[in-house]
């Protein structure tokens, strides 16, 4: 009996068909993988862009709010200010604990001399009014606006601190508010009301004024970007006289 034999070209045609199927599967797999990778990369880039845009908007909004609120430092007749923030799923928190400043003129501790704030400490507590999204926080800090993140801190708006040979001026807003927070996707209004205003001029005595900072998050921003500017030298200033103004406020929302 003779064995049946395949035509000479059939085997090669079958191999070619299998090769074409395998090639198609491989190419199709590469295309799907590429599309998936591009999609993931694109979505991540879009997410990062949206987060950065949200932070920049929050910085601009907090900066505008600070400019509005800081009117209480410049005009003694102003007792109240109102401002709005668009939270966009961020969180606003208020409280009475925050950055602390120990201000001395010679041997005089300004906090004790003005009899303001909590007892048993030489530090004037600036309180807390902050907007947080993700790991970034933008805080109204004594009249300044400070951005804090896991990578460090930076100053968006400088506080009212001046240093010249004739006079040093230190003007601060301290927040005394209930410990609370709120998260929302909508806009929210905040009313700042002046509770107390204290001001004192320390005449020429030959003594320097010095500011020391105690802050768990914004210490670098104050020491490197605020107290090293405008003739301040590591928080010290040599001036003929020193004017200190502290405005204590509450924030309701």
Protein backbone atom coordinates (compact mmCIF):
# COMPACT_ATOMS: atom_id res chain seq x y z
CA UNK A 1 0.00 0.00 0.00
CA UNK A 2 1.33 3.42 -0.88
CA UNK A 3 1.31 6.20 1.67
CA UNK A 4 -0.63 9.28 0.70
CA UNK A 5 1.67 12.15 0.02
CA UNK A 6 0.93 15.84 0.35
CA UNK A 7 1.48 18.00 -2.65
CA UNK A 8 4.94 19.59 -2.57
CA UNK A 9 3.75 23.19 -1.94
CA UNK A 10 1.12 22.51 0.65
CA UNK A 11 3.47 22.19 3.63
CA UNK A 12 5.17 25.48 2.89
CA UNK A 13 1.81 27.19 2.44
CA UNK A 14 0.66 25.89 5.85
CA UNK A 15 3.85 27.12 7.53
CA UNK A 16 3.48 30.47 5.87
CA UNK A 17 -0.13 30.68 7.09
CA UNK A 18 0.90 29.85 10.66
CA UNK A 19 3.71 32.42 10.51
CA UNK A 20 1.32 35.07 9.29
CA UNK A 21 -1.10 34.32 12.15
CA UNK A 22 1.70 34.50 14.72
CA UNK A 23 3.00 37.74 13.21
CA UNK A 24 -0.50 39.21 13.29
CA UNK A 25 -0.96 38.22 16.94
CA UNK A 26 2.42 39.72 17.88
CA UNK A 27 1.78 42.96 16.02
CA UNK A 28 -1.71 43.23 17.47
CA UNK A 29 -0.31 42.61 20.95
CA UNK A 30 2.33 45.30 20.47
CA UNK A 31 -0.32 47.75 19.29
CA UNK A 32 -2.55 47.01 22.28
CA UNK A 33 0.38 47.35 24.69
CA UNK A 34 1.41 50.64 23.10
CA UNK A 35 -2.12 52.00 23.29
CA UNK A 36 -2.42 50.94 26.93
CA UNK A 37 0.96 52.51 27.81
CA UNK A 38 0.13 55.75 26.02
CA UNK A 39 -3.26 55.87 27.71
CA UNK A 40 -1.73 55.40 31.15
CA UNK A 41 0.96 57.98 30.46
CA UNK A 42 -1.54 60.41 29.01
CA UNK A 43 -3.94 60.05 31.91
CA UNK A 44 -1.09 60.50 34.39
CA UNK A 45 0.14 63.61 32.56
CA UNK A 46 -3.39 64.98 32.47
CA UNK A 47 -3.84 64.28 36.18
CA UNK A 48 -0.53 65.98 37.02
CA UNK A 49 -1.49 68.97 34.89
CA UNK A 50 -4.86 69.28 36.63
CA UNK A 51 -3.23 69.04 40.07
CA UNK A 52 -0.65 71.71 39.21
CA UNK A 53 -3.34 73.94 37.74
CA UNK A 54 -5.44 73.52 40.88
CA UNK A 55 -2.48 74.45 43.09
CA UNK A 56 -1.66 77.52 41.01
CA UNK A 57 -5.29 78.62 41.17
CA UNK A 58 -5.29 78.06 44.92
CA UNK A 59 -2.11 80.13 45.28
CA UNK A 60 -3.60 83.01 43.32
CA UNK A 61 -6.84 82.81 45.30
CA UNK A 62 -5.09 82.74 48.69
CA UNK A 63 -2.80 85.58 47.60
CA UNK A 64 -5.83 87.70 46.66
CA UNK A 65 -7.49 86.79 49.95
CA UNK A 66 -4.36 87.81 51.89
CA UNK A 67 -4.23 91.16 50.09
CA UNK A 68 -7.83 91.75 51.13
CA UNK A 69 -7.37 90.56 54.72
CA UNK A 70 -4.14 92.53 55.22
CA UNK A 71 -6.11 95.76 54.98
CA UNK A 72 -6.68 95.36 58.73
CA UNK A 73 -2.95 95.98 59.20
CA UNK A 74 -2.89 99.17 57.18
CA UNK A 75 -6.19 100.78 58.12
CA UNK A 76 -7.23 100.84 61.76
CA UNK A 77 -10.81 101.75 60.85
CA UNK A 78 -11.34 98.41 59.08
CA UNK A 79 -12.89 95.87 61.43
CA UNK A 80 -14.04 93.18 59.00
CA UNK A 81 -13.17 91.65 55.68
CA UNK A 82 -14.92 89.04 53.52
CA UNK A 83 -13.39 86.77 50.86
CA UNK A 84 -14.28 83.61 48.95
CA UNK A 85 -12.27 80.54 47.97
CA UNK A 86 -13.19 77.90 45.38
CA UNK A 87 -12.28 74.69 47.19
CA UNK A 88 -12.44 72.25 44.23
CA UNK A 89 -12.43 69.19 46.48
CA UNK A 90 -9.71 70.74 48.64
CA UNK A 91 -9.94 71.20 52.41
CA UNK A 92 -9.86 74.44 54.40
CA UNK A 93 -8.84 74.23 58.03
CA UNK A 94 -8.72 76.84 60.77
CA UNK A 95 -7.39 76.84 64.30
CA UNK A 96 -5.43 78.69 66.94
CA UNK A 97 -2.15 76.80 66.58
CA UNK A 98 0.38 77.42 63.85
CA UNK A 99 3.67 79.21 63.29
CA UNK A 100 5.09 80.82 66.43
CA UNK A 101 7.28 83.94 66.47
CA UNK A 102 9.40 85.00 69.41
CA UNK A 103 10.07 88.73 68.97
CA UNK A 104 12.51 90.51 71.24
CA UNK A 105 13.72 94.11 71.35
CA UNK A 106 16.90 93.97 73.38
CA UNK A 107 15.91 92.09 76.54
CA UNK A 108 12.21 92.84 76.13
CA UNK A 109 9.96 89.96 75.02
CA UNK A 110 7.32 91.64 72.88
CA UNK A 111 4.58 89.08 73.58
CA UNK A 112 4.84 89.60 77.33
CA UNK A 113 5.18 93.34 76.94
CA UNK A 114 2.03 93.59 74.80
CA UNK A 115 0.20 90.98 76.93
CA UNK A 116 -1.26 89.09 73.96
CA UNK A 117 -1.87 85.45 73.14
CA UNK A 118 -1.47 82.40 75.32
CA UNK A 119 0.36 82.40 78.61
CA UNK A 120 3.46 80.37 79.47
CA UNK A 121 5.18 80.99 76.15
CA UNK A 122 7.27 83.76 74.62
CA UNK A 123 6.00 82.97 71.11
CA UNK A 124 3.22 84.86 69.37
CA UNK A 125 1.08 82.17 67.72
CA UNK A 126 -0.06 83.16 64.23
CA UNK A 127 -2.89 80.60 64.22
CA UNK A 128 -4.07 78.56 61.25
CA UNK A 129 -5.99 79.32 58.07
CA UNK A 130 -4.93 76.87 55.38
CA UNK A 131 -6.08 75.25 52.14
CA UNK A 132 -4.92 71.67 51.53
CA UNK A 133 -5.12 69.53 48.40
CA UNK A 134 -3.21 66.28 48.19
CA UNK A 135 0.11 66.70 49.99
CA UNK A 136 0.28 70.47 49.41
CA UNK A 137 -0.91 73.17 51.80
CA UNK A 138 -1.22 76.89 51.12
CA UNK A 139 -1.48 78.83 54.37
CA UNK A 140 -2.23 82.40 55.40
CA UNK A 141 0.55 82.88 57.94
CA UNK A 142 0.56 86.13 59.87
CA UNK A 143 -0.07 88.17 56.71
CA UNK A 144 2.23 86.06 54.57
CA UNK A 145 1.13 83.26 52.24
CA UNK A 146 3.27 80.14 52.51
CA UNK A 147 3.09 77.00 50.39
CA UNK A 148 4.10 73.79 52.14
CA UNK A 149 4.64 70.35 50.62
CA UNK A 150 6.56 67.14 51.21
CA UNK A 151 9.44 68.72 49.27
CA UNK A 152 9.71 71.85 51.42
CA UNK A 153 8.09 75.26 51.69
CA UNK A 154 8.07 78.49 49.72
CA UNK A 155 6.73 82.01 50.19
CA UNK A 156 3.96 83.19 47.87
CA UNK A 157 3.43 86.56 49.61
CA UNK A 158 5.80 88.31 52.00
CA UNK A 159 4.50 89.47 55.40
CA UNK A 160 4.63 93.08 56.59
CA UNK A 161 8.18 93.09 57.93
CA UNK A 162 10.49 96.02 57.20
CA UNK A 163 14.03 96.72 58.31
CA UNK A 164 15.94 99.96 57.76
CA UNK A 165 18.48 101.98 59.74
CA UNK A 166 15.77 104.36 60.94
CA UNK A 167 12.96 101.96 61.81
CA UNK A 168 11.99 98.32 61.90
CA UNK A 169 8.30 97.56 61.30
CA UNK A 170 6.69 94.28 62.31
CA UNK A 171 2.99 93.96 61.50
CA UNK A 172 1.27 90.61 62.05
CA UNK A 173 -2.21 89.09 61.84
CA UNK A 174 -2.90 86.29 64.31
CA UNK A 175 -5.86 83.96 63.78
CA UNK A 176 -7.91 82.85 66.77
CA UNK A 177 -10.46 80.39 65.37
CA UNK A 178 -12.14 77.13 66.29
CA UNK A 179 -10.35 73.95 65.28
CA UNK A 180 -12.39 72.80 62.29
CA UNK A 181 -12.10 71.88 58.63
CA UNK A 182 -14.36 71.54 55.62
CA UNK A 183 -14.01 69.89 52.22
CA UNK A 184 -16.13 70.91 49.28
CA UNK A 185 -16.20 71.21 45.51
CA UNK A 186 -17.94 74.57 45.68
CA UNK A 187 -16.91 78.09 46.64
CA UNK A 188 -17.00 79.12 50.29
CA UNK A 189 -17.04 82.54 51.95
CA UNK A 190 -14.84 83.50 54.91
CA UNK A 191 -15.38 86.49 57.18
CA UNK A 192 -12.42 87.90 59.09
CA UNK A 193 -13.30 90.07 62.07
CA UNK A 194 -10.86 92.07 64.20
CA UNK A 195 -10.94 91.04 67.87
CA UNK A 196 -8.05 93.11 69.18
CA UNK A 197 -5.46 95.51 67.84
CA UNK A 198 -2.21 96.22 69.70
CA UNK A 199 0.60 98.52 68.61
CA UNK A 200 3.69 99.83 70.35
CA UNK A 201 6.69 101.91 69.34
CA UNK A 202 9.98 100.99 70.98
CA UNK A 203 12.16 104.14 70.86
CA UNK A 204 15.86 104.28 70.10
CA UNK A 205 17.84 102.38 72.71
CA UNK A 206 20.66 100.82 70.73
CA UNK A 207 19.07 97.38 70.99
CA UNK A 208 18.48 95.11 68.01
CA UNK A 209 15.16 93.48 67.25
CA UNK A 210 15.24 89.73 66.73
CA UNK A 211 12.63 87.25 65.43
CA UNK A 212 12.86 83.52 66.11
CA UNK A 213 10.56 81.03 64.38
CA UNK A 214 8.97 77.83 65.63
CA UNK A 215 6.94 76.02 62.98
CA UNK A 216 6.61 72.32 62.15
CA UNK A 217 6.08 73.04 58.45
CA UNK A 218 6.93 76.64 57.53
CA UNK A 219 10.13 77.22 59.50
CA UNK A 220 12.33 76.96 56.39
CA UNK A 221 10.15 79.43 54.50
CA UNK A 222 10.39 82.00 57.30
CA UNK A 223 14.08 81.55 58.06
CA UNK A 224 15.36 81.33 54.48
CA UNK A 225 12.89 83.42 52.47
CA UNK A 226 11.45 85.98 54.90
CA UNK A 227 13.97 86.71 57.66
CA UNK A 228 16.84 86.92 55.17
CA UNK A 229 15.29 89.64 53.01
CA UNK A 230 15.07 93.41 53.13
CA UNK A 231 18.07 94.05 55.44
CA UNK A 232 17.02 91.31 57.86
CA UNK A 233 20.00 89.13 58.82
CA UNK A 234 18.92 85.75 60.18
CA UNK A 235 15.93 87.41 61.81
CA UNK A 236 17.87 90.34 63.28
CA UNK A 237 17.59 94.03 62.46
CA UNK A 238 19.55 97.02 63.75
CA UNK A 239 17.27 100.06 63.71
CA UNK A 240 16.85 103.29 65.68
CA UNK A 241 13.30 102.35 66.67
CA UNK A 242 10.90 99.43 66.34
CA UNK A 243 7.16 99.54 65.63
CA UNK A 244 5.25 96.35 66.40
CA UNK A 245 1.59 95.87 65.47
CA UNK A 246 -0.39 92.73 66.16
CA UNK A 247 -3.99 92.37 64.98
CA UNK A 248 -5.89 89.43 66.48
CA UNK A 249 -8.74 88.20 64.27
CA UNK A 250 -11.39 85.51 64.12
CA UNK A 251 -12.47 83.70 60.93
CA UNK A 252 -16.01 82.42 60.45
CA UNK A 253 -17.43 80.35 57.59
